[in-house]
Amino acid sequence: MLLKDKSLNLTPEKAWKEGTNIRTAIKENPAMVRGWIMSEVGRLIKELDAKTTIAGDEELIFCCNAIVEDHPTIKLEEIRTCFNMIRKGKFGKLYERLKTPEILEFICRYEGEVRAEIMERYHTEKKHDWDVSDLKRSSDYKPLGEFLKDVLEEAPPKRDFDRAGTRLKRKMDAND
């Protein structure tokens, strides 16, 4: 979806729910994904116009590799969303420096502030979706008392194998 630039204005929540995980994307097409990340980082650098910034290809490649290595669970759409938030100044001032450590710090802040809230809300909603009445409607449902009664009434399984103590006792008896 995003690699073909079909989705430009994503909300952080939509980016998290519908996005493509970096690991998954890299397994499918590593060159295309790394190239896309490089273009996003390059666009961020160009638009912010900081005095001290990533200047050469080696620094750009290092930055992209660091994003992939340090944030393997982030989704591609979230990278774009995070970079858009940086452009808007949502994570504070840059102080005329935008190198790899600053970019990684912004992604960490995105994950800690924005993404964590989205994930928490999602998991809270999922938690409330589960209801005991749903369980009671299932065919496997038994009240705890009936379950324990059935378990306690079952005969223990017959064991046809020797344990270490049995073998040792036989050996000691044979020596006598």
N, C-alpha and C. Protein backbone atom coordinates (compact mmCIF):
# COMPACT_ATOMS: atom_id res chain seq x y z
N MET A 1 0.82 -1.19 0.00
CA MET A 1 0.00 0.00 0.00
C MET A 1 0.88 1.26 0.00
N LEU A 2 1.79 1.34 0.96
CA LEU A 2 2.57 2.56 1.12
C LEU A 2 3.74 2.64 0.15
N LEU A 3 4.33 1.51 -0.17
CA LEU A 3 5.49 1.52 -1.06
C LEU A 3 5.14 2.05 -2.44
N LYS A 4 3.89 1.95 -2.80
CA LYS A 4 3.45 2.47 -4.08
C LYS A 4 2.87 3.87 -3.93
N ASP A 5 3.00 4.45 -2.73
CA ASP A 5 2.59 5.82 -2.43
C ASP A 5 1.10 6.05 -2.61
N LYS A 6 0.30 5.07 -2.27
CA LYS A 6 -1.15 5.21 -2.39
C LYS A 6 -1.77 5.83 -1.15
N SER A 7 -1.03 5.85 -0.06
CA SER A 7 -1.59 6.34 1.19
C SER A 7 -0.66 7.39 1.78
N LEU A 8 -0.94 8.65 1.52
CA LEU A 8 -0.05 9.71 1.96
C LEU A 8 -0.38 10.25 3.34
N ASN A 9 -1.63 10.46 3.65
CA ASN A 9 -2.03 11.05 4.93
C ASN A 9 -2.66 9.99 5.81
N LEU A 10 -1.84 9.39 6.63
CA LEU A 10 -2.31 8.36 7.53
C LEU A 10 -2.35 8.88 8.95
N THR A 11 -3.33 8.45 9.71
CA THR A 11 -3.33 8.73 11.14
C THR A 11 -2.43 7.69 11.78
N PRO A 12 -1.86 7.99 12.94
CA PRO A 12 -1.02 6.99 13.60
C PRO A 12 -1.77 5.68 13.87
N GLU A 13 -3.04 5.78 14.23
CA GLU A 13 -3.82 4.58 14.52
C GLU A 13 -4.02 3.73 13.27
N LYS A 14 -4.34 4.37 12.16
CA LYS A 14 -4.54 3.64 10.90
C LYS A 14 -3.21 3.04 10.43
N ALA A 15 -2.13 3.78 10.62
CA ALA A 15 -0.81 3.27 10.24
C ALA A 15 -0.47 2.01 11.03
N TRP A 16 -0.80 2.00 12.32
CA TRP A 16 -0.50 0.84 13.16
C TRP A 16 -1.39 -0.35 12.81
N LYS A 17 -2.68 -0.10 12.62
CA LYS A 17 -3.62 -1.19 12.37
C LYS A 17 -3.47 -1.79 10.97
N GLU A 18 -3.25 -0.97 9.97
CA GLU A 18 -3.24 -1.45 8.59
C GLU A 18 -1.85 -1.51 7.98
N GLY A 19 -0.84 -1.16 8.74
CA GLY A 19 0.51 -1.07 8.21
C GLY A 19 1.20 -2.40 8.00
N THR A 20 2.36 -2.32 7.36
CA THR A 20 3.19 -3.48 7.08
C THR A 20 4.43 -3.44 7.95
N ASN A 21 4.63 -4.48 8.72
CA ASN A 21 5.77 -4.60 9.61
C ASN A 21 7.07 -4.57 8.80
N ILE A 22 8.08 -3.88 9.31
CA ILE A 22 9.37 -3.77 8.61
C ILE A 22 9.96 -5.15 8.33
N ARG A 23 9.97 -6.03 9.33
CA ARG A 23 10.55 -7.36 9.13
C ARG A 23 9.87 -8.10 7.99
N THR A 24 8.54 -8.08 7.99
CA THR A 24 7.78 -8.76 6.95
C THR A 24 8.09 -8.18 5.58
N ALA A 25 8.11 -6.85 5.51
CA ALA A 25 8.37 -6.19 4.23
C ALA A 25 9.77 -6.49 3.71
N ILE A 26 10.74 -6.52 4.60
CA ILE A 26 12.13 -6.78 4.19
C ILE A 26 12.28 -8.22 3.71
N LYS A 27 11.55 -9.14 4.32
CA LYS A 27 11.61 -10.53 3.85
C LYS A 27 11.06 -10.64 2.43
N GLU A 28 10.04 -9.85 2.13
CA GLU A 28 9.41 -9.91 0.81
C GLU A 28 10.25 -9.23 -0.27
N ASN A 29 10.73 -8.02 0.02
CA ASN A 29 11.47 -7.27 -0.98
C ASN A 29 12.45 -6.32 -0.30
N PRO A 30 13.62 -6.82 0.13
CA PRO A 30 14.55 -6.00 0.91
C PRO A 30 15.06 -4.75 0.19
N ALA A 31 15.37 -4.86 -1.07
CA ALA A 31 15.91 -3.70 -1.80
C ALA A 31 14.88 -2.58 -1.89
N MET A 32 13.65 -2.93 -2.21
CA MET A 32 12.61 -1.93 -2.35
C MET A 32 12.30 -1.24 -1.01
N VAL A 33 12.25 -2.03 0.07
CA VAL A 33 11.95 -1.48 1.40
C VAL A 33 13.07 -0.56 1.86
N ARG A 34 14.30 -1.01 1.73
CA ARG A 34 15.44 -0.16 2.14
C ARG A 34 15.50 1.12 1.30
N GLY A 35 15.21 1.00 0.02
CA GLY A 35 15.17 2.18 -0.85
C GLY A 35 14.08 3.15 -0.43
N TRP A 36 12.92 2.59 -0.05
CA TRP A 36 11.81 3.45 0.38
C TRP A 36 12.17 4.18 1.67
N ILE A 37 12.80 3.46 2.61
CA ILE A 37 13.20 4.09 3.88
C ILE A 37 14.22 5.19 3.60
N MET A 38 15.16 4.92 2.70
CA MET A 38 16.16 5.94 2.34
C MET A 38 15.49 7.17 1.74
N SER A 39 14.50 6.96 0.90
CA SER A 39 13.83 8.11 0.29
C SER A 39 13.06 8.91 1.34
N GLU A 40 12.46 8.22 2.32
CA GLU A 40 11.74 8.92 3.39
C GLU A 40 12.70 9.72 4.26
N VAL A 41 13.83 9.11 4.61
CA VAL A 41 14.83 9.83 5.41
C VAL A 41 15.37 11.00 4.61
N GLY A 42 15.67 10.79 3.33
CA GLY A 42 16.16 11.87 2.47
C GLY A 42 15.18 13.01 2.36
N ARG A 43 13.88 12.69 2.22
CA ARG A 43 12.86 13.74 2.15
C ARG A 43 12.78 14.52 3.47
N LEU A 44 12.89 13.80 4.59
CA LEU A 44 12.86 14.45 5.90
C LEU A 44 14.03 15.42 6.04
N ILE A 45 15.21 14.97 5.65
CA ILE A 45 16.41 15.81 5.75
C ILE A 45 16.27 17.05 4.88
N LYS A 46 15.79 16.85 3.67
CA LYS A 46 15.65 17.96 2.73
C LYS A 46 14.63 18.99 3.21
N GLU A 47 13.50 18.52 3.70
CA GLU A 47 12.44 19.44 4.12
C GLU A 47 12.76 20.19 5.40
N LEU A 48 13.51 19.57 6.32
CA LEU A 48 13.80 20.24 7.58
C LEU A 48 14.97 21.20 7.46
N ASP A 49 15.87 20.99 6.51
CA ASP A 49 16.96 21.91 6.23
C ASP A 49 17.74 22.30 7.47
N ALA A 50 18.22 21.31 8.22
CA ALA A 50 19.05 21.58 9.39
C ALA A 50 20.48 21.86 8.95
N LYS A 51 21.24 22.60 9.77
CA LYS A 51 22.62 22.92 9.43
C LYS A 51 23.51 21.68 9.49
N THR A 52 23.36 20.89 10.55
CA THR A 52 24.14 19.67 10.69
C THR A 52 23.21 18.51 10.42
N THR A 53 23.46 17.81 9.33
CA THR A 53 22.55 16.74 8.94
C THR A 53 23.31 15.62 8.24
N ILE A 54 22.61 14.58 7.87
CA ILE A 54 23.21 13.47 7.14
C ILE A 54 23.63 14.00 5.77
N ALA A 55 24.91 13.84 5.46
CA ALA A 55 25.43 14.46 4.25
C ALA A 55 25.71 13.47 3.13
N GLY A 56 26.31 12.35 3.46
CA GLY A 56 26.72 11.43 2.40
C GLY A 56 25.88 10.17 2.34
N ASP A 57 26.17 9.39 1.30
CA ASP A 57 25.45 8.14 1.11
C ASP A 57 25.70 7.15 2.23
N GLU A 58 26.94 7.10 2.72
CA GLU A 58 27.27 6.17 3.80
C GLU A 58 26.46 6.48 5.05
N GLU A 59 26.36 7.76 5.38
CA GLU A 59 25.57 8.15 6.55
C GLU A 59 24.09 7.80 6.36
N LEU A 60 23.58 8.02 5.17
CA LEU A 60 22.18 7.71 4.88
C LEU A 60 21.92 6.21 4.98
N ILE A 61 22.82 5.41 4.43
CA ILE A 61 22.68 3.95 4.51
C ILE A 61 22.76 3.49 5.96
N PHE A 62 23.70 4.07 6.71
CA PHE A 62 23.84 3.73 8.12
C PHE A 62 22.55 4.06 8.88
N CYS A 63 21.99 5.22 8.61
CA CYS A 63 20.76 5.64 9.28
C CYS A 63 19.61 4.67 8.97
N CYS A 64 19.45 4.30 7.73
CA CYS A 64 18.38 3.38 7.34
C CYS A 64 18.58 2.00 7.95
N ASN A 65 19.82 1.53 7.95
CA ASN A 65 20.10 0.24 8.59
C ASN A 65 19.82 0.29 10.09
N ALA A 66 20.15 1.42 10.71
CA ALA A 66 19.90 1.58 12.15
C ALA A 66 18.39 1.56 12.44
N ILE A 67 17.61 2.17 11.58
CA ILE A 67 16.14 2.16 11.76
C ILE A 67 15.63 0.73 11.69
N VAL A 68 16.09 -0.01 10.70
CA VAL A 68 15.64 -1.40 10.52
C VAL A 68 16.08 -2.27 11.70
N GLU A 69 17.32 -2.11 12.15
CA GLU A 69 17.85 -2.93 13.23
C GLU A 69 17.28 -2.56 14.59
N ASP A 70 17.17 -1.27 14.86
CA ASP A 70 16.73 -0.83 16.19
C ASP A 70 15.22 -0.85 16.37
N HIS A 71 14.47 -0.82 15.29
CA HIS A 71 13.01 -0.77 15.36
C HIS A 71 12.38 -1.79 14.41
N PRO A 72 12.64 -3.07 14.62
CA PRO A 72 12.14 -4.08 13.68
C PRO A 72 10.63 -4.28 13.72
N THR A 73 9.97 -3.82 14.77
CA THR A 73 8.52 -4.03 14.87
C THR A 73 7.71 -2.86 14.35
N ILE A 74 8.37 -1.75 14.08
CA ILE A 74 7.63 -0.59 13.58
C ILE A 74 7.13 -0.90 12.16
N LYS A 75 6.07 -0.28 11.79
CA LYS A 75 5.50 -0.52 10.46
C LYS A 75 5.92 0.61 9.53
N LEU A 76 6.00 0.30 8.26
CA LEU A 76 6.45 1.29 7.28
C LEU A 76 5.58 2.54 7.33
N GLU A 77 4.28 2.35 7.45
CA GLU A 77 3.37 3.48 7.49
C GLU A 77 3.61 4.33 8.73
N GLU A 78 4.05 3.69 9.80
CA GLU A 78 4.36 4.44 11.02
C GLU A 78 5.61 5.30 10.84
N ILE A 79 6.55 4.85 10.04
CA ILE A 79 7.74 5.66 9.77
C ILE A 79 7.32 6.96 9.09
N ARG A 80 6.47 6.83 8.08
CA ARG A 80 6.01 8.03 7.40
C ARG A 80 5.23 8.93 8.36
N THR A 81 4.36 8.34 9.16
CA THR A 81 3.58 9.11 10.12
C THR A 81 4.49 9.82 11.12
N CYS A 82 5.49 9.10 11.62
CA CYS A 82 6.45 9.69 12.56
C CYS A 82 7.20 10.85 11.90
N PHE A 83 7.67 10.66 10.68
CA PHE A 83 8.40 11.71 9.98
C PHE A 83 7.50 12.92 9.72
N ASN A 84 6.22 12.68 9.42
CA ASN A 84 5.29 13.80 9.25
C ASN A 84 5.13 14.57 10.56
N MET A 85 5.10 13.84 11.67
CA MET A 85 4.98 14.50 12.98
C MET A 85 6.24 15.30 13.29
N ILE A 86 7.40 14.80 12.88
CA ILE A 86 8.65 15.54 13.08
C ILE A 86 8.61 16.83 12.27
N ARG A 87 8.15 16.74 11.03
CA ARG A 87 8.04 17.93 10.18
C ARG A 87 7.14 18.98 10.80
N LYS A 88 6.08 18.51 11.46
CA LYS A 88 5.13 19.43 12.10
C LYS A 88 5.62 19.95 13.44
N GLY A 89 6.74 19.42 13.93
CA GLY A 89 7.29 19.88 15.20
C GLY A 89 6.63 19.25 16.42
N LYS A 90 5.98 18.12 16.26
CA LYS A 90 5.27 17.47 17.36
C LYS A 90 6.20 16.92 18.43
N PHE A 91 7.45 16.68 18.09
CA PHE A 91 8.39 16.12 19.04
C PHE A 91 9.40 17.15 19.53
N GLY A 92 9.13 18.41 19.33
CA GLY A 92 10.00 19.46 19.81
C GLY A 92 10.92 20.02 18.74
N LYS A 93 11.76 20.94 19.16
CA LYS A 93 12.67 21.61 18.23
C LYS A 93 13.88 20.74 17.91
N LEU A 94 14.47 20.99 16.74
CA LEU A 94 15.61 20.21 16.29
C LEU A 94 16.95 20.83 16.67
N TYR A 95 16.99 22.11 16.89
CA TYR A 95 18.23 22.82 17.20
C TYR A 95 19.27 22.64 16.11
N GLU A 96 18.82 22.70 14.87
CA GLU A 96 19.67 22.70 13.67
C GLU A 96 20.53 21.44 13.53
N ARG A 97 20.13 20.34 14.12
CA ARG A 97 20.87 19.07 13.98
C ARG A 97 19.89 17.95 13.69
N LEU A 98 20.15 17.21 12.61
CA LEU A 98 19.32 16.07 12.27
C LEU A 98 20.20 14.97 11.69
N LYS A 99 20.77 14.19 12.58
CA LYS A 99 21.61 13.06 12.19
C LYS A 99 20.94 11.78 12.69
N THR A 100 21.59 10.66 12.50
CA THR A 100 21.03 9.37 12.86
C THR A 100 20.55 9.29 14.31
N PRO A 101 21.33 9.74 15.30
CA PRO A 101 20.85 9.65 16.68
C PRO A 101 19.55 10.42 16.91
N GLU A 102 19.42 11.58 16.28
CA GLU A 102 18.19 12.37 16.45
C GLU A 102 16.99 11.68 15.80
N ILE A 103 17.21 11.12 14.61
CA ILE A 103 16.12 10.42 13.92
C ILE A 103 15.68 9.20 14.73
N LEU A 104 16.66 8.43 15.24
CA LEU A 104 16.32 7.27 16.07
C LEU A 104 15.62 7.70 17.36
N GLU A 105 16.02 8.81 17.92
CA GLU A 105 15.36 9.32 19.13
C GLU A 105 13.92 9.70 18.84
N PHE A 106 13.67 10.33 17.71
CA PHE A 106 12.29 10.69 17.34
C PHE A 106 11.44 9.43 17.15
N ILE A 107 12.00 8.41 16.54
CA ILE A 107 11.24 7.16 16.36
C ILE A 107 10.95 6.52 17.71
N CYS A 108 11.93 6.56 18.61
CA CYS A 108 11.71 6.03 19.98
C CYS A 108 10.60 6.81 20.67
N ARG A 109 10.63 8.11 20.54
CA ARG A 109 9.57 8.93 21.16
C ARG A 109 8.22 8.62 20.54
N TYR A 110 8.18 8.42 19.24
CA TYR A 110 6.93 8.06 18.57
C TYR A 110 6.41 6.75 19.16
N GLU A 111 7.30 5.76 19.25
CA GLU A 111 6.88 4.46 19.79
C GLU A 111 6.43 4.57 21.24
N GLY A 112 7.14 5.36 22.03
CA GLY A 112 6.82 5.48 23.45
C GLY A 112 5.60 6.32 23.75
N GLU A 113 5.36 7.34 22.96
CA GLU A 113 4.26 8.26 23.25
C GLU A 113 3.01 7.94 22.41
N VAL A 114 3.18 7.84 21.12
CA VAL A 114 2.03 7.71 20.21
C VAL A 114 1.62 6.24 20.07
N ARG A 115 2.56 5.42 19.69
CA ARG A 115 2.26 4.02 19.41
C ARG A 115 1.82 3.27 20.67
N ALA A 116 2.46 3.53 21.79
CA ALA A 116 2.09 2.85 23.04
C ALA A 116 0.64 3.13 23.41
N GLU A 117 0.22 4.36 23.23
CA GLU A 117 -1.17 4.72 23.54
C GLU A 117 -2.16 3.98 22.62
N ILE A 118 -1.83 3.90 21.34
CA ILE A 118 -2.68 3.20 20.38
C ILE A 118 -2.77 1.72 20.74
N MET A 119 -1.63 1.11 21.04
CA MET A 119 -1.61 -0.31 21.38
C MET A 119 -2.37 -0.58 22.68
N GLU A 120 -2.21 0.29 23.64
CA GLU A 120 -2.93 0.13 24.91
C GLU A 120 -4.44 0.21 24.70
N ARG A 121 -4.86 1.17 23.92
CA ARG A 121 -6.28 1.33 23.63
C ARG A 121 -6.81 0.10 22.88
N TYR A 122 -6.05 -0.39 21.92
CA TYR A 122 -6.45 -1.56 21.15
C TYR A 122 -6.61 -2.79 22.05
N HIS A 123 -5.62 -3.01 22.93
CA HIS A 123 -5.67 -4.17 23.81
C HIS A 123 -6.78 -4.04 24.86
N THR A 124 -7.06 -2.84 25.29
CA THR A 124 -8.16 -2.62 26.23
C THR A 124 -9.49 -2.95 25.56
N GLU A 125 -9.64 -2.51 24.31
CA GLU A 125 -10.87 -2.83 23.56
C GLU A 125 -11.01 -4.34 23.37
N LYS A 126 -9.92 -5.01 23.04
CA LYS A 126 -9.96 -6.46 22.85
C LYS A 126 -10.30 -7.17 24.16
N LYS A 127 -9.79 -6.66 25.26
CA LYS A 127 -10.04 -7.25 26.57
C LYS A 127 -11.52 -7.17 26.91
N HIS A 128 -12.14 -6.05 26.58
CA HIS A 128 -13.55 -5.88 26.89
C HIS A 128 -14.46 -6.64 25.91
N ASP A 129 -13.92 -7.05 24.78
CA ASP A 129 -14.70 -7.83 23.83
C ASP A 129 -15.02 -9.22 24.37
N TRP A 130 -14.12 -9.75 25.19
CA TRP A 130 -14.33 -11.06 25.76
C TRP A 130 -15.32 -10.95 26.89
N ASP A 131 -16.26 -11.89 26.94
CA ASP A 131 -17.31 -11.87 27.95
C ASP A 131 -17.57 -13.29 28.41
N VAL A 132 -17.86 -13.46 29.68
CA VAL A 132 -18.14 -14.79 30.22
C VAL A 132 -19.37 -15.39 29.56
N SER A 133 -20.34 -14.55 29.22
CA SER A 133 -21.55 -15.07 28.58
C SER A 133 -21.21 -15.71 27.24
N ASP A 134 -20.18 -15.21 26.55
CA ASP A 134 -19.74 -15.85 25.31
C ASP A 134 -19.20 -17.25 25.59
N LEU A 135 -18.48 -17.39 26.68
CA LEU A 135 -17.93 -18.68 27.05
C LEU A 135 -19.04 -19.65 27.41
N LYS A 136 -20.05 -19.18 28.14
CA LYS A 136 -21.16 -20.05 28.56
C LYS A 136 -21.93 -20.57 27.35
N ARG A 137 -21.96 -19.82 26.28
CA ARG A 137 -22.67 -20.25 25.08
C ARG A 137 -21.90 -21.31 24.31
N SER A 138 -20.62 -21.45 24.58
CA SER A 138 -19.83 -22.42 23.83
C SER A 138 -20.17 -23.83 24.30
N SER A 139 -19.97 -24.82 23.45
CA SER A 139 -20.34 -26.20 23.74
C SER A 139 -19.39 -26.84 24.76
N ASP A 140 -18.17 -26.27 24.93
CA ASP A 140 -17.20 -26.85 25.85
C ASP A 140 -17.35 -26.34 27.28
N TYR A 141 -18.28 -25.44 27.51
CA TYR A 141 -18.38 -24.80 28.83
C TYR A 141 -18.92 -25.77 29.87
N LYS A 142 -18.23 -25.82 31.02
CA LYS A 142 -18.69 -26.54 32.20
C LYS A 142 -18.40 -25.66 33.40
N PRO A 143 -19.34 -25.56 34.34
CA PRO A 143 -19.02 -24.83 35.56
C PRO A 143 -17.83 -25.50 36.26
N LEU A 144 -17.06 -24.76 37.02
CA LEU A 144 -15.84 -25.25 37.65
C LEU A 144 -16.12 -26.46 38.53
N GLY A 145 -17.21 -26.43 39.28
CA GLY A 145 -17.54 -27.56 40.16
C GLY A 145 -17.71 -28.86 39.39
N GLU A 146 -18.41 -28.81 38.28
CA GLU A 146 -18.61 -30.01 37.46
C GLU A 146 -17.30 -30.48 36.84
N PHE A 147 -16.49 -29.54 36.41
CA PHE A 147 -15.20 -29.88 35.82
C PHE A 147 -14.33 -30.60 36.84
N LEU A 148 -14.22 -30.04 38.05
CA LEU A 148 -13.39 -30.65 39.09
C LEU A 148 -13.94 -32.02 39.49
N LYS A 149 -15.26 -32.16 39.58
CA LYS A 149 -15.88 -33.43 39.93
C LYS A 149 -15.50 -34.49 38.90
N ASP A 150 -15.59 -34.14 37.63
CA ASP A 150 -15.22 -35.08 36.57
C ASP A 150 -13.75 -35.47 36.64
N VAL A 151 -12.91 -34.52 36.91
CA VAL A 151 -11.47 -34.78 36.98
C VAL A 151 -11.14 -35.67 38.16
N LEU A 152 -11.74 -35.39 39.33
CA LEU A 152 -11.44 -36.16 40.53
C LEU A 152 -12.01 -37.57 40.47
N GLU A 153 -13.09 -37.78 39.75
CA GLU A 153 -13.70 -39.11 39.64
C GLU A 153 -12.99 -40.01 38.65
N GLU A 154 -12.22 -39.46 37.76
CA GLU A 154 -11.51 -40.27 36.78
C GLU A 154 -10.44 -41.09 37.47
N ALA A 155 -10.30 -42.33 37.05
CA ALA A 155 -9.25 -43.18 37.60
C ALA A 155 -7.91 -42.71 37.04
N PRO A 156 -6.88 -42.79 37.87
CA PRO A 156 -5.57 -42.38 37.35
C PRO A 156 -5.14 -43.33 36.24
N PRO A 157 -4.43 -42.83 35.28
CA PRO A 157 -4.02 -43.68 34.16
C PRO A 157 -3.06 -44.77 34.64
N LYS A 158 -3.17 -45.97 34.07
CA LYS A 158 -2.28 -47.06 34.41
C LYS A 158 -0.93 -46.81 33.77
N ARG A 159 0.09 -46.98 34.55
CA ARG A 159 1.43 -46.71 34.05
C ARG A 159 2.16 -48.02 33.88
N ASP A 160 2.63 -48.25 32.69
CA ASP A 160 3.33 -49.49 32.37
C ASP A 160 4.84 -49.29 32.28
N PHE A 161 5.31 -48.20 32.78
CA PHE A 161 6.74 -47.93 32.63
C PHE A 161 7.40 -47.89 34.00
N ASP A 162 8.67 -48.15 34.00
CA ASP A 162 9.45 -48.09 35.23
C ASP A 162 9.99 -46.69 35.40
N ARG A 163 10.07 -46.31 36.62
CA ARG A 163 10.71 -45.04 36.94
C ARG A 163 12.10 -45.33 37.48
N ALA A 164 12.88 -44.32 37.66
CA ALA A 164 14.25 -44.51 38.11
C ALA A 164 14.30 -45.21 39.46
N GLY A 165 13.41 -44.90 40.37
CA GLY A 165 13.38 -45.52 41.70
C GLY A 165 13.07 -47.00 41.62
N THR A 166 12.15 -47.39 40.73
CA THR A 166 11.78 -48.80 40.55
C THR A 166 12.97 -49.60 40.04
N ARG A 167 13.64 -49.07 39.07
CA ARG A 167 14.82 -49.76 38.52
C ARG A 167 15.91 -49.90 39.58
N LEU A 168 16.11 -48.88 40.38
CA LEU A 168 17.13 -48.91 41.42
C LEU A 168 16.78 -49.95 42.48
N LYS A 169 15.50 -50.01 42.86
CA LYS A 169 15.06 -50.99 43.87
C LYS A 169 15.29 -52.40 43.35
N ARG A 170 14.94 -52.67 42.09
CA ARG A 170 15.15 -53.99 41.52
C ARG A 170 16.63 -54.35 41.52
N LYS A 171 17.45 -53.40 41.19
CA LYS A 171 18.90 -53.63 41.15
C LYS A 171 19.42 -53.95 42.54
N MET A 172 18.93 -53.22 43.54
CA MET A 172 19.39 -53.46 44.92
C MET A 172 18.89 -54.80 45.42
N ASP A 173 17.65 -55.18 45.07
CA ASP A 173 17.10 -56.47 45.46
C ASP A 173 17.89 -57.62 44.81
N ALA A 174 18.32 -57.43 43.58
CA ALA A 174 19.08 -58.45 42.87
C ALA A 174 20.44 -58.65 43.49
N ASN A 175 21.03 -57.62 44.06
CA ASN A 175 22.35 -57.71 44.68
C ASN A 175 22.29 -58.42 46.03
N ASP A 176 21.15 -58.47 46.65
CA ASP A 176 21.03 -59.10 47.98
C ASP A 176 21.03 -60.56 47.91
